[in-house]
N, C-alpha and C. Protein backbone atom coordinates (compact mmCIF):
# COMPACT_ATOMS: atom_id res chain seq x y z
N UNK A 1 15.56 -13.47 -1.34
CA UNK A 1 15.10 -12.00 -1.25
C UNK A 1 15.55 -11.16 -1.83
N UNK A 2 14.94 -9.95 -2.51
CA UNK A 2 15.92 -8.87 -3.16
C UNK A 2 16.72 -8.05 -2.37
N UNK A 3 18.13 -7.91 -2.97
CA UNK A 3 18.78 -6.98 -2.18
C UNK A 3 18.49 -5.91 -2.51
N UNK A 4 18.91 -4.38 -2.32
CA UNK A 4 18.76 -3.25 -2.16
C UNK A 4 18.96 -2.69 -3.81
N UNK A 5 20.08 -3.08 -4.23
CA UNK A 5 20.52 -2.48 -5.39
C UNK A 5 20.15 -3.72 -6.59
N UNK A 6 19.65 -4.74 -6.31
CA UNK A 6 19.21 -5.78 -7.11
C UNK A 6 17.58 -5.04 -7.44
N UNK A 7 17.24 -4.71 -6.32
CA UNK A 7 15.58 -4.46 -6.88
C UNK A 7 15.54 -2.94 -7.41
N UNK A 8 16.06 -2.20 -6.88
CA UNK A 8 16.66 -0.61 -7.59
C UNK A 8 17.05 -1.04 -9.05
N UNK A 9 17.88 -1.77 -8.93
CA UNK A 9 17.95 -2.03 -10.88
C UNK A 9 17.04 -2.57 -11.73
N UNK A 10 16.06 -3.54 -11.11
CA UNK A 10 14.94 -4.26 -11.68
C UNK A 10 13.93 -3.17 -11.89
N UNK A 11 13.50 -2.32 -11.04
CA UNK A 11 12.79 -1.08 -11.38
C UNK A 11 13.25 -0.16 -12.36
N UNK A 12 14.42 0.09 -11.81
CA UNK A 12 14.98 1.31 -12.80
C UNK A 12 14.98 0.76 -14.29
N UNK A 13 14.92 -0.44 -14.57
CA UNK A 13 15.16 -0.76 -15.61
C UNK A 13 13.86 -0.93 -16.48
N UNK A 14 12.89 -0.89 -16.10
CA UNK A 14 11.42 -1.31 -16.40
C UNK A 14 10.52 0.00 -15.97
N UNK A 15 11.01 0.98 -15.36
CA UNK A 15 9.95 2.09 -14.70
C UNK A 15 9.43 3.20 -16.29
N UNK A 16 8.31 3.18 -16.35
CA UNK A 16 8.18 4.63 -17.11
C UNK A 16 7.87 5.82 -16.03
N UNK A 17 8.21 5.40 -14.88
CA UNK A 17 8.46 7.02 -14.30
C UNK A 17 10.00 7.39 -14.27
N UNK A 18 10.34 8.17 -13.57
CA UNK A 18 11.43 8.55 -13.31
C UNK A 18 12.68 7.47 -12.95
N UNK A 19 13.77 7.31 -13.57
CA UNK A 19 14.56 6.15 -13.27
C UNK A 19 15.09 6.75 -11.42
N UNK A 20 15.08 5.47 -10.35
CA UNK A 20 15.10 5.29 -9.54
C UNK A 20 16.27 5.63 -9.26
N UNK A 21 17.00 6.78 -8.33
CA UNK A 21 18.31 7.15 -8.03
C UNK A 21 18.89 6.19 -6.86
N UNK A 22 20.13 6.16 -6.45
CA UNK A 22 20.86 5.76 -5.79
C UNK A 22 19.92 5.78 -4.18
N UNK A 23 19.42 7.01 -3.72
CA UNK A 23 19.11 7.77 -2.66
C UNK A 23 18.21 6.75 -2.30
N UNK A 24 17.54 6.11 -2.91
CA UNK A 24 16.54 5.20 -2.46
C UNK A 24 17.02 3.68 -1.80
N UNK A 25 18.26 3.41 -2.37
CA UNK A 25 18.87 2.24 -1.40
C UNK A 25 19.33 2.73 0.03
N UNK A 26 19.57 3.98 0.21
CA UNK A 26 19.69 4.41 1.71
C UNK A 26 18.67 5.31 2.48
N UNK A 27 17.66 5.80 1.27
CA UNK A 27 16.70 6.53 1.79
C UNK A 27 15.66 6.14 3.37
N UNK A 28 15.45 7.14 3.92
CA UNK A 28 14.22 6.62 4.68
C UNK A 28 12.91 6.63 4.16
N UNK A 29 12.66 5.63 4.86
CA UNK A 29 10.59 4.73 4.31
C UNK A 29 10.17 6.39 4.47
N UNK A 30 8.98 6.50 3.84
CA UNK A 30 7.76 7.26 4.17
C UNK A 30 6.98 7.30 5.38
N UNK A 31 6.69 8.23 6.03
CA UNK A 31 5.82 7.88 7.52
C UNK A 31 4.36 6.71 7.08
N UNK A 32 4.40 5.73 7.94
CA UNK A 32 3.32 5.29 8.29
C UNK A 32 1.72 5.63 8.05
N UNK A 33 1.05 4.82 7.02
CA UNK A 33 -0.60 5.66 7.11
C UNK A 33 -1.32 5.02 8.01
N UNK A 34 -2.15 5.22 8.84
CA UNK A 34 -2.88 4.71 9.85
C UNK A 34 -3.91 4.79 9.88
N UNK A 35 -4.67 3.67 10.15
CA UNK A 35 -6.13 3.97 10.07
C UNK A 35 -6.65 3.11 11.67
N UNK A 36 -7.51 3.88 12.13
CA UNK A 36 -7.92 3.54 13.65
C UNK A 36 -6.68 4.25 14.57
N UNK A 37 -7.09 4.29 15.82
CA UNK A 37 -6.21 4.96 17.05
C UNK A 37 -4.72 4.56 17.40
N UNK A 38 -3.76 5.21 17.04
CA UNK A 38 -2.32 4.74 16.75
C UNK A 38 -1.85 4.07 18.05
N UNK A 39 -2.68 4.48 18.92
CA UNK A 39 -2.62 3.81 20.29
C UNK A 39 -3.12 2.45 20.72
N UNK A 40 -3.97 1.57 19.40
CA UNK A 40 -4.44 0.59 19.70
C UNK A 40 -3.60 -0.44 20.20
N UNK A 41 -4.23 -1.27 20.95
CA UNK A 41 -2.95 -2.43 21.61
C UNK A 41 -2.98 -3.70 20.46
N UNK A 42 -3.53 -3.79 19.16
CA UNK A 42 -3.29 -4.74 18.18
C UNK A 42 -2.69 -3.81 17.03
N UNK A 43 -1.90 -4.05 16.39
CA UNK A 43 -0.83 -3.47 15.47
C UNK A 43 -1.29 -4.59 13.87
N UNK A 44 -2.05 -4.35 12.97
CA UNK A 44 -2.02 -5.05 12.01
C UNK A 44 -1.44 -4.50 10.63
N UNK A 45 -0.23 -4.75 10.48
CA UNK A 45 0.59 -3.79 9.50
C UNK A 45 0.08 -4.61 7.97
N UNK A 46 -0.17 -4.20 6.96
CA UNK A 46 -0.72 -4.33 5.73
C UNK A 46 0.53 -4.20 4.64
N UNK A 47 1.23 -5.13 4.14
CA UNK A 47 2.03 -4.38 3.12
C UNK A 47 1.55 -5.04 1.65
N UNK A 48 1.41 -4.04 1.10
CA UNK A 48 0.25 -4.41 -0.12
C UNK A 48 0.78 -3.38 -1.58
N UNK A 49 0.36 -4.30 -2.88
CA UNK A 49 0.75 -3.53 -4.09
C UNK A 49 -0.51 -3.07 -4.75
N UNK A 50 -0.70 -2.19 -5.20
CA UNK A 50 -1.72 -1.63 -5.77
C UNK A 50 -2.48 -2.22 -6.84
N UNK A 51 -1.45 -3.27 -7.60
CA UNK A 51 -2.11 -3.77 -8.65
C UNK A 51 -2.10 -5.32 -8.38
N UNK A 52 -1.97 -5.77 -7.37
CA UNK A 52 -2.50 -7.36 -6.81
C UNK A 52 -4.31 -7.20 -6.16
N UNK A 53 -4.65 -8.29 -7.23
CA UNK A 53 -6.10 -8.60 -6.90
C UNK A 53 -6.32 -8.99 -5.60
N UNK A 54 -5.58 -9.55 -4.71
CA UNK A 54 -6.01 -10.40 -3.84
C UNK A 54 -5.93 -9.08 -2.90
N UNK A 55 -4.68 -8.07 -2.78
CA UNK A 55 -4.78 -6.86 -2.24
C UNK A 55 -6.26 -6.00 -2.18
N UNK A 56 -6.71 -5.96 -3.64
CA UNK A 56 -8.02 -5.32 -3.85
C UNK A 56 -9.38 -5.71 -2.98
N UNK A 57 -9.13 -7.47 -3.41
CA UNK A 57 -10.37 -7.98 -2.54
C UNK A 57 -10.21 -7.91 -1.16
N UNK A 58 -9.05 -7.83 -0.42
CA UNK A 58 -9.30 -7.52 1.05
C UNK A 58 -10.10 -6.06 1.29
N UNK A 59 -9.22 -5.03 0.65
CA UNK A 59 -9.80 -3.62 1.02
C UNK A 59 -11.21 -3.87 0.64
N UNK A 60 -11.56 -4.19 -0.40
CA UNK A 60 -13.32 -4.24 -1.02
C UNK A 60 -14.13 -4.91 -0.04
N UNK A 61 -13.68 -6.40 0.27
CA UNK A 61 -14.23 -7.26 0.63
C UNK A 61 -14.59 -7.51 2.48
N UNK A 62 -13.08 -7.23 3.05
CA UNK A 62 -12.89 -7.65 4.33
C UNK A 62 -12.41 -6.47 5.02
N UNK A 63 -12.18 -5.30 4.31
CA UNK A 63 -11.65 -4.04 5.34
C UNK A 63 -12.94 -3.30 6.00
N UNK A 64 -13.79 -3.00 4.84
CA UNK A 64 -15.09 -2.51 5.99
C UNK A 64 -15.40 -2.80 7.25
N UNK A 65 -15.52 -4.16 7.19
CA UNK A 65 -16.01 -5.15 8.26
C UNK A 65 -15.02 -5.12 9.60
N UNK A 66 -13.78 -5.08 9.31
CA UNK A 66 -12.64 -5.31 9.77
C UNK A 66 -12.60 -3.62 10.58
N UNK A 67 -12.73 -2.67 9.71
CA UNK A 67 -12.53 -1.22 9.99
C UNK A 67 -13.79 -1.17 11.24
N UNK A 68 -14.98 -1.60 10.67
CA UNK A 68 -16.00 -1.25 11.79
C UNK A 68 -15.95 -1.87 13.23
N UNK A 69 -15.47 -3.28 13.13
CA UNK A 69 -15.36 -4.02 14.29
C UNK A 69 -13.91 -3.90 14.86
N UNK A 70 -13.14 -3.55 14.45
CA UNK A 70 -12.22 -3.53 15.22
C UNK A 70 -11.34 -2.08 15.34
N UNK A 71 -11.18 -1.34 13.86
CA UNK A 71 -10.16 0.00 13.96
C UNK A 71 -10.97 1.26 14.43
N UNK A 72 -12.50 1.23 13.91
CA UNK A 72 -13.02 2.33 14.61
C UNK A 72 -13.48 2.49 16.04
N UNK A 73 -13.43 0.98 16.88
CA UNK A 73 -13.59 1.02 17.79
C UNK A 73 -12.64 1.19 19.04
N UNK A 74 -11.31 0.98 17.79
CA UNK A 74 -10.03 1.07 19.19
C UNK A 74 -9.54 0.03 19.58
N UNK A 75 -10.15 -0.99 18.96
CA UNK A 75 -9.36 -2.50 19.25
C UNK A 75 -8.19 -2.64 18.49
N UNK A 76 -8.09 -2.11 17.40
CA UNK A 76 -6.78 -2.52 16.70
C UNK A 76 -6.70 -1.28 15.72
N UNK A 77 -5.07 -1.04 15.22
CA UNK A 77 -5.04 -0.08 14.14
C UNK A 77 -4.68 -1.22 12.75
N UNK A 78 -4.41 -0.14 11.84
CA UNK A 78 -3.90 -0.82 10.61
C UNK A 78 -2.96 -0.09 10.07
N UNK A 79 -1.99 -0.32 9.69
CA UNK A 79 -0.60 0.04 9.13
C UNK A 79 -0.51 -0.05 7.95
N UNK A 80 -1.12 0.91 6.64
CA UNK A 80 -0.65 0.71 5.53
C UNK A 80 1.10 0.92 4.94
N UNK A 81 1.22 -0.24 4.51
CA UNK A 81 2.65 0.03 3.97
C UNK A 81 2.74 -0.25 2.75
N UNK A 82 3.55 0.37 1.79
CA UNK A 82 3.29 0.11 0.23
C UNK A 82 4.36 -1.00 -0.30
N UNK A 83 4.16 -1.91 -1.28
CA UNK A 83 4.88 -3.00 -1.57
C UNK A 83 5.01 -3.32 -3.15
N UNK A 84 4.89 -2.39 -3.85
CA UNK A 84 4.87 -1.93 -5.34
C UNK A 84 5.57 -3.16 -5.68
N UNK A 85 4.83 -4.10 -6.47
CA UNK A 85 5.54 -5.45 -7.23
C UNK A 85 5.50 -4.81 -8.69
N UNK A 86 5.19 -3.66 -9.28
CA UNK A 86 5.50 -3.53 -10.76
C UNK A 86 5.20 -1.82 -10.63
N UNK A 87 5.72 -1.51 -11.87
CA UNK A 87 6.09 0.08 -12.14
C UNK A 87 4.63 0.89 -11.98
N UNK A 88 3.79 -0.09 -12.23
CA UNK A 88 2.08 0.39 -12.23
C UNK A 88 1.71 0.90 -10.62
N UNK A 89 1.90 -0.36 -9.89
CA UNK A 89 1.62 -0.22 -8.82
C UNK A 89 2.67 0.95 -7.81
N UNK A 90 3.71 1.07 -8.51
CA UNK A 90 4.75 2.20 -7.47
C UNK A 90 4.17 3.53 -8.08
N UNK A 91 3.63 3.72 -9.51
CA UNK A 91 3.11 4.99 -9.94
C UNK A 91 1.71 5.32 -8.76
N UNK A 92 0.80 4.53 -8.72
CA UNK A 92 -0.27 4.40 -7.98
C UNK A 92 0.02 4.66 -6.87
N UNK A 93 1.03 4.41 -6.02
CA UNK A 93 1.40 4.19 -4.68
C UNK A 93 1.70 6.16 -4.80
N UNK A 94 2.62 6.61 -5.47
CA UNK A 94 3.08 7.28 -5.42
C UNK A 94 1.80 8.57 -5.60
N UNK A 95 1.07 8.34 -6.32
CA UNK A 95 -0.18 9.43 -6.33
C UNK A 95 -0.73 10.01 -5.11
N UNK A 96 -1.08 8.06 -4.51
CA UNK A 96 -1.74 8.01 -3.77
C UNK A 96 -1.28 9.31 -2.09
N UNK A 97 0.10 8.90 -2.52
CA UNK A 97 1.04 9.64 -1.26
C UNK A 97 0.90 11.24 -1.57
N UNK A 98 0.90 11.53 -2.96
CA UNK A 98 0.76 13.21 -3.21
C UNK A 98 -0.68 13.52 -2.75
N UNK A 99 -1.44 12.85 -2.92
CA UNK A 99 -3.19 13.20 -2.46
C UNK A 99 -2.87 13.55 -1.36
N UNK A 100 -2.01 13.48 -0.08
CA UNK A 100 -1.95 13.89 1.39
C UNK A 100 -2.67 13.16 2.07
N UNK A 101 -2.43 13.27 3.31
CA UNK A 101 -2.96 12.32 4.53
C UNK A 101 -4.28 12.03 4.63
N UNK A 102 -5.02 13.28 4.58
CA UNK A 102 -6.65 13.46 4.42
C UNK A 102 -7.21 12.36 3.42
N UNK A 103 -6.59 12.61 2.15
CA UNK A 103 -7.37 11.95 0.98
C UNK A 103 -6.54 10.77 0.71
N UNK A 104 -5.70 10.25 1.42
CA UNK A 104 -5.08 8.92 1.01
C UNK A 104 -5.84 7.58 0.98
N UNK A 105 -6.43 7.39 2.27
CA UNK A 105 -7.16 6.08 1.84
C UNK A 105 -8.31 6.35 1.28
N UNK A 106 -9.00 7.12 0.89
CA UNK A 106 -10.05 6.87 0.28
C UNK A 106 -9.47 7.01 -1.04
N UNK A 107 -8.68 7.64 -1.44
CA UNK A 107 -7.90 7.33 -2.97
C UNK A 107 -7.52 6.02 -3.03
N UNK A 108 -7.07 5.12 -1.99
CA UNK A 108 -6.53 4.17 -2.05
C UNK A 108 -7.54 3.34 -2.36
N UNK A 109 -9.07 3.15 -1.74
CA UNK A 109 -10.08 2.59 -1.85
C UNK A 109 -10.60 2.92 -2.80
N UNK A 110 -10.95 3.95 -3.59
CA UNK A 110 -11.09 4.06 -4.69
C UNK A 110 -10.11 3.25 -6.07
N UNK A 111 -9.33 3.13 -5.89
CA UNK A 111 -8.23 2.68 -6.80
C UNK A 111 -8.17 0.97 -6.72
N UNK A 112 -8.70 0.86 -5.39
CA UNK A 112 -8.94 -1.03 -5.44
C UNK A 112 -9.74 -1.35 -6.16
N UNK A 113 -11.11 -0.31 -5.70
CA UNK A 113 -12.41 -0.94 -6.05
C UNK A 113 -12.54 -0.74 -7.69
N UNK A 114 -11.48 0.23 -8.45
CA UNK A 114 -11.53 0.23 -10.02
C UNK A 114 -10.21 -0.25 -10.61
N UNK A 115 -9.76 -1.28 -9.65
CA UNK A 115 -8.23 -1.87 -10.27
C UNK A 115 -8.57 -2.58 -11.96
N UNK A 116 -9.30 -2.97 -11.80
CA UNK A 116 -9.53 -4.21 -13.30
C UNK A 116 -9.55 -3.49 -14.48
N UNK A 117 -10.19 -1.75 -14.15
CA UNK A 117 -10.44 -0.81 -15.22
C UNK A 117 -8.98 0.06 -15.46
N UNK A 118 -8.01 0.41 -14.50
CA UNK A 118 -6.95 0.92 -15.12
C UNK A 118 -5.90 -0.56 -14.93
N UNK A 119 -5.54 -1.12 -14.27
CA UNK A 119 -4.39 -2.12 -14.26
C UNK A 119 -4.67 -2.69 -15.59
N UNK A 120 -5.30 -3.09 -16.06
CA UNK A 120 -5.38 -4.00 -17.33
C UNK A 120 -5.88 -2.84 -18.53
N UNK A 121 -5.38 -1.85 -18.32
CA UNK A 121 -5.41 -1.13 -19.54
C UNK A 121 -4.18 -0.97 -20.46
N UNK A 122 -4.28 -0.24 -21.77
CA UNK A 122 -2.74 -0.06 -22.20
C UNK A 122 -2.20 1.19 -22.18
N UNK A 123 -3.17 1.69 -21.53
CA UNK A 123 -2.68 3.16 -20.66
C UNK A 123 -3.06 3.36 -19.55
N UNK A 124 -2.73 2.83 -18.29
CA UNK A 124 -3.03 2.85 -17.02
C UNK A 124 -2.76 4.36 -16.40
N UNK A 125 -2.10 5.09 -16.76
CA UNK A 125 -2.15 6.63 -16.42
C UNK A 125 -2.94 7.08 -16.98
N UNK A 126 -3.55 7.27 -18.30
CA UNK A 126 -4.42 7.82 -18.66
C UNK A 126 -5.63 7.24 -17.98
N UNK A 127 -5.93 6.06 -17.92
CA UNK A 127 -7.23 6.04 -16.91
C UNK A 127 -7.17 6.54 -15.67
N UNK A 128 -5.97 6.37 -14.66
CA UNK A 128 -6.22 6.98 -13.67
C UNK A 128 -6.44 8.22 -13.94
N UNK A 129 -5.93 9.19 -14.62
CA UNK A 129 -6.05 10.49 -14.64
C UNK A 129 -7.65 10.51 -14.87
N UNK A 130 -8.68 9.75 -15.41
CA UNK A 130 -9.92 9.75 -15.72
C UNK A 130 -10.12 9.73 -14.52
N UNK A 131 -9.89 8.90 -13.56
CA UNK A 131 -10.59 8.60 -12.34
C UNK A 131 -10.10 10.02 -11.38
N UNK A 132 -8.85 10.62 -11.46
CA UNK A 132 -8.73 11.57 -10.59
C UNK A 132 -9.81 12.64 -10.84
N UNK A 133 -10.05 12.96 -12.08
CA UNK A 133 -10.98 13.93 -12.28
C UNK A 133 -12.26 13.68 -11.88
N UNK A 134 -12.73 12.61 -11.94
CA UNK A 134 -14.31 12.16 -11.60
C UNK A 134 -14.17 12.62 -10.26
N UNK A 135 -13.12 11.92 -9.64
CA UNK A 135 -13.12 12.86 -7.95
C UNK A 135 -13.12 14.37 -7.65
N UNK A 136 -13.12 14.90 -8.79
CA UNK A 136 -12.70 16.30 -8.70
C UNK A 136 -11.19 17.18 -8.76
N UNK A 137 -10.55 16.07 -8.99
CA UNK A 137 -9.25 16.61 -8.92
C UNK A 137 -8.50 16.89 -10.23
N UNK A 138 -7.34 18.02 -10.16
CA UNK A 138 -7.05 18.10 -11.33
C UNK A 138 -6.44 17.12 -12.03
N UNK A 139 -6.46 16.43 -13.23
CA UNK A 139 -5.78 15.05 -13.78
C UNK A 139 -4.14 15.79 -14.11
N UNK A 140 -3.86 16.89 -14.01
CA UNK A 140 -2.49 17.49 -14.16
C UNK A 140 -1.79 17.06 -13.25
N UNK A 141 -2.20 16.99 -12.18
CA UNK A 141 -1.40 16.39 -10.68
C UNK A 141 -1.15 15.22 -10.65
N UNK A 142 -1.19 14.11 -11.80
CA UNK A 142 -0.72 13.04 -11.73
C UNK A 142 0.54 13.12 -12.35
N UNK A 143 0.52 13.90 -13.51
CA UNK A 143 2.34 13.73 -14.03
C UNK A 143 2.96 14.54 -13.00
N UNK A 144 2.98 15.75 -12.61
CA UNK A 144 3.38 16.26 -11.14
C UNK A 144 4.21 15.08 -10.39
N UNK A 145 2.88 14.46 -9.58
CA UNK A 145 3.25 13.62 -8.91
C UNK A 145 4.36 12.40 -8.86
N UNK A 146 3.91 12.05 -10.13
CA UNK A 146 4.78 10.87 -10.79
C UNK A 146 6.38 11.33 -10.98
N UNK A 147 6.54 12.57 -11.28
CA UNK A 147 8.19 13.10 -11.00
C UNK A 147 8.83 13.71 -9.76
N UNK A 148 7.79 13.10 -8.74
CA UNK A 148 8.43 13.84 -7.30
C UNK A 148 9.18 12.34 -6.93
N UNK A 149 10.70 12.70 -6.95
CA UNK A 149 11.33 11.59 -6.56
C UNK A 149 11.28 11.01 -5.59
N UNK A 150 11.29 12.24 -4.60
CA UNK A 150 11.48 11.96 -3.20
C UNK A 150 10.53 10.99 -2.34
N UNK A 151 9.04 10.97 -3.16
CA UNK A 151 7.90 10.19 -2.87
C UNK A 151 8.67 8.59 -3.33
N UNK A 152 8.86 8.81 -4.49
CA UNK A 152 9.39 7.33 -5.20
C UNK A 152 10.65 6.37 -4.52
N UNK A 153 11.31 7.59 -3.99
CA UNK A 153 12.69 6.86 -3.07
C UNK A 153 11.78 6.37 -1.77
N UNK A 154 10.82 7.16 -1.42
CA UNK A 154 10.57 6.86 0.19
C UNK A 154 9.58 5.40 0.06
N UNK A 155 8.98 5.47 -1.02
CA UNK A 155 7.76 4.40 -1.24
C UNK A 155 8.92 2.92 -1.47
N UNK A 156 10.18 3.21 -2.22
CA UNK A 156 10.85 2.33 -2.59
C UNK A 156 11.57 1.86 -1.33
N UNK A 157 11.78 3.01 -0.55
CA UNK A 157 12.60 2.17 0.99
C UNK A 157 11.79 1.79 1.86
N UNK A 158 10.22 1.48 1.91
CA UNK A 158 9.39 1.36 2.78
C UNK A 158 9.64 -0.53 1.82
N UNK A 159 9.15 -0.60 0.96
CA UNK A 159 9.27 -1.97 0.12
C UNK A 159 10.42 -2.62 0.61
N UNK A 160 11.27 -1.76 0.42
CA UNK A 160 13.09 -2.74 0.93
C UNK A 160 13.25 -2.93 2.22
N UNK A 161 12.80 -1.87 3.21
CA UNK A 161 12.73 -2.60 4.52
C UNK A 161 11.77 -3.52 4.73
N UNK A 162 10.60 -3.59 4.43
CA UNK A 162 9.73 -4.60 4.54
C UNK A 162 10.34 -6.09 4.21
N UNK A 163 10.84 -6.11 2.91
CA UNK A 163 11.64 -7.26 2.46
C UNK A 163 13.04 -7.75 3.27
N UNK A 164 13.30 -6.76 3.92
CA UNK A 164 14.50 -7.02 4.52
C UNK A 164 14.17 -7.51 6.14
N UNK A 165 13.07 -6.55 6.87
CA UNK A 165 12.68 -7.11 8.15
C UNK A 165 11.82 -7.99 8.20
N UNK A 166 10.66 -8.35 7.33
CA UNK A 166 9.80 -9.51 7.50
C UNK A 166 9.94 -10.75 6.09
N UNK A 167 10.84 -10.41 5.31
CA UNK A 167 11.05 -11.21 4.34
C UNK A 167 9.71 -11.49 3.52
N UNK A 168 9.21 -10.29 3.27
CA UNK A 168 7.85 -10.49 2.27
C UNK A 168 8.14 -11.03 1.12
N UNK A 169 7.22 -12.16 0.68
CA UNK A 169 7.38 -12.55 -0.61
C UNK A 169 6.12 -12.50 -1.53
N UNK A 170 4.93 -11.95 -1.07
CA UNK A 170 3.67 -12.02 -1.59
C UNK A 170 3.18 -10.94 -0.98
N UNK A 171 2.11 -10.63 -1.71
CA UNK A 171 0.89 -9.43 -1.26
C UNK A 171 -0.07 -10.19 -1.34
N UNK A 172 -1.65 -9.49 -0.38
CA UNK A 172 -0.90 -9.06 0.63
C UNK A 172 -0.34 -9.44 2.09
N UNK A 173 0.49 -9.12 2.39
CA UNK A 173 1.02 -9.76 3.76
C UNK A 173 0.56 -8.99 5.17
N UNK A 174 0.29 -9.66 6.01
CA UNK A 174 -0.32 -9.05 7.09
C UNK A 174 0.76 -9.44 8.43
N UNK A 175 1.35 -8.40 9.61
CA UNK A 175 2.19 -8.76 10.71
C UNK A 175 1.35 -7.86 11.39
N UNK A 176 0.65 -9.05 12.40
CA UNK A 176 0.01 -8.90 13.40
C UNK A 176 0.71 -9.07 14.80
N UNK A 177 0.59 -8.09 15.37
CA UNK A 177 1.68 -8.04 16.48
C UNK A 177 2.76 -8.75 16.61
N UNK A 178 3.40 -8.51 15.23
CA UNK A 178 5.02 -8.93 15.17
C UNK A 178 4.98 -10.73 13.97
N UNK A 179 3.60 -11.19 13.99
CA UNK A 179 4.03 -12.27 13.67
C UNK A 179 3.27 -12.17 12.00
N UNK A 180 4.04 -12.78 11.23
CA UNK A 180 3.83 -12.92 9.71
C UNK A 180 2.89 -13.28 9.46
N UNK A 181 1.38 -13.14 8.63
CA UNK A 181 0.41 -13.93 8.14
C UNK A 181 0.16 -13.65 6.48
N UNK A 182 0.79 -14.59 5.38
CA UNK A 182 0.52 -13.98 4.16
C UNK A 182 -0.65 -14.52 3.75
N UNK A 183 -1.28 -13.76 3.00
CA UNK A 183 -2.39 -13.51 1.47
C UNK A 183 -3.52 -13.06 2.37
N UNK A 184 -4.54 -12.94 1.33
CA UNK A 184 -5.87 -12.44 1.79
C UNK A 184 -6.56 -13.37 2.86
N UNK A 185 -7.18 -13.06 3.77
CA UNK A 185 -7.75 -13.46 5.08
C UNK A 185 -9.17 -12.71 4.56
N UNK A 186 -10.45 -13.71 4.98
CA UNK A 186 -11.82 -13.48 5.44
C UNK A 186 -11.65 -12.35 6.44
N UNK A 187 -13.12 -11.80 6.90
CA UNK A 187 -13.10 -11.10 8.03
C UNK A 187 -13.46 -12.10 9.43
N UNK A 188 -13.82 -13.69 8.84
CA UNK A 188 -13.92 -14.11 10.05
C UNK A 188 -12.54 -15.00 10.42
N UNK A 189 -12.18 -14.90 9.37
CA UNK A 189 -10.51 -15.47 10.18
C UNK A 189 -9.49 -14.25 10.82
N UNK A 190 -9.75 -13.13 10.61
CA UNK A 190 -9.62 -11.83 11.17
C UNK A 190 -9.65 -12.15 12.10
N UNK A 191 -10.94 -12.10 12.41
CA UNK A 191 -11.85 -12.14 13.63
C UNK A 191 -11.38 -12.97 14.71
N UNK A 192 -11.19 -14.03 14.53
CA UNK A 192 -10.73 -15.13 15.30
C UNK A 192 -9.14 -14.88 15.64
N UNK A 193 -8.45 -14.72 14.56
CA UNK A 193 -6.77 -14.46 15.09
C UNK A 193 -7.24 -13.14 16.14
N UNK A 194 -7.83 -12.08 15.79
CA UNK A 194 -7.66 -10.72 16.86
C UNK A 194 -8.37 -11.14 18.07
N UNK A 195 -9.52 -11.78 18.21
CA UNK A 195 -10.06 -12.01 19.42
C UNK A 195 -8.86 -13.07 20.06
N UNK A 196 -8.32 -13.95 19.82
CA UNK A 196 -7.06 -14.82 20.18
C UNK A 196 -6.09 -13.76 21.25
N UNK A 197 -5.87 -12.91 20.16
CA UNK A 197 -4.83 -11.76 20.69
C UNK A 197 -5.18 -10.74 21.73
N UNK A 198 -6.54 -10.29 21.71
CA UNK A 198 -7.19 -9.52 22.88
C UNK A 198 -7.03 -10.32 23.87
N UNK A 199 -6.98 -11.55 23.99
CA UNK A 199 -6.79 -12.34 25.52
C UNK A 199 -5.19 -12.48 25.94
N UNK A 200 -4.50 -11.66 24.90
CA UNK A 200 -2.93 -11.84 25.57
C UNK A 200 -2.42 -10.45 25.64
N UNK A 201 -3.23 -9.44 25.39
CA UNK A 201 -2.88 -8.21 25.34
C UNK A 201 -3.34 -7.46 26.78
């Protein structure tokens, strides 16, 4: 498990973003982003990296049905927590937070659906700006967002807290009512797990 100083050093050494300061080592994680009723009896925490293909597969193939059957009906809630595995994932996470709470999940959805387009590009930030422009936003906001050190520190604090609390080693990892479940799961697997939990809550 990476310690705070090791992770900060690794990110700082490779980042095209502003250098991550020591504040992230002691910084507070940003508030959780939640889909569904915050008071729902079942909590699904998702640790996700924006450049992770398995995370994209979950959001594109599994989440829509999970949302329809469990999140929109108040049976469960999804708590999305950033766990960037590289500097590009960190940058996309920063931009998503910069979009604001109302646009956050819509932006995350678009970025996962277009992941191959920007993540494999020689200029991922340029590709992201194109996507932002197509969504009706000013692409210049991307540069401004990537300079927001408070967002960078807060996202890294989420990543570090998840590493320390749940020993996350891969993405996506789901913490379902406190139990660690690593790897992308089909809706059928989620449905089976959540139905078992409903009998115990």
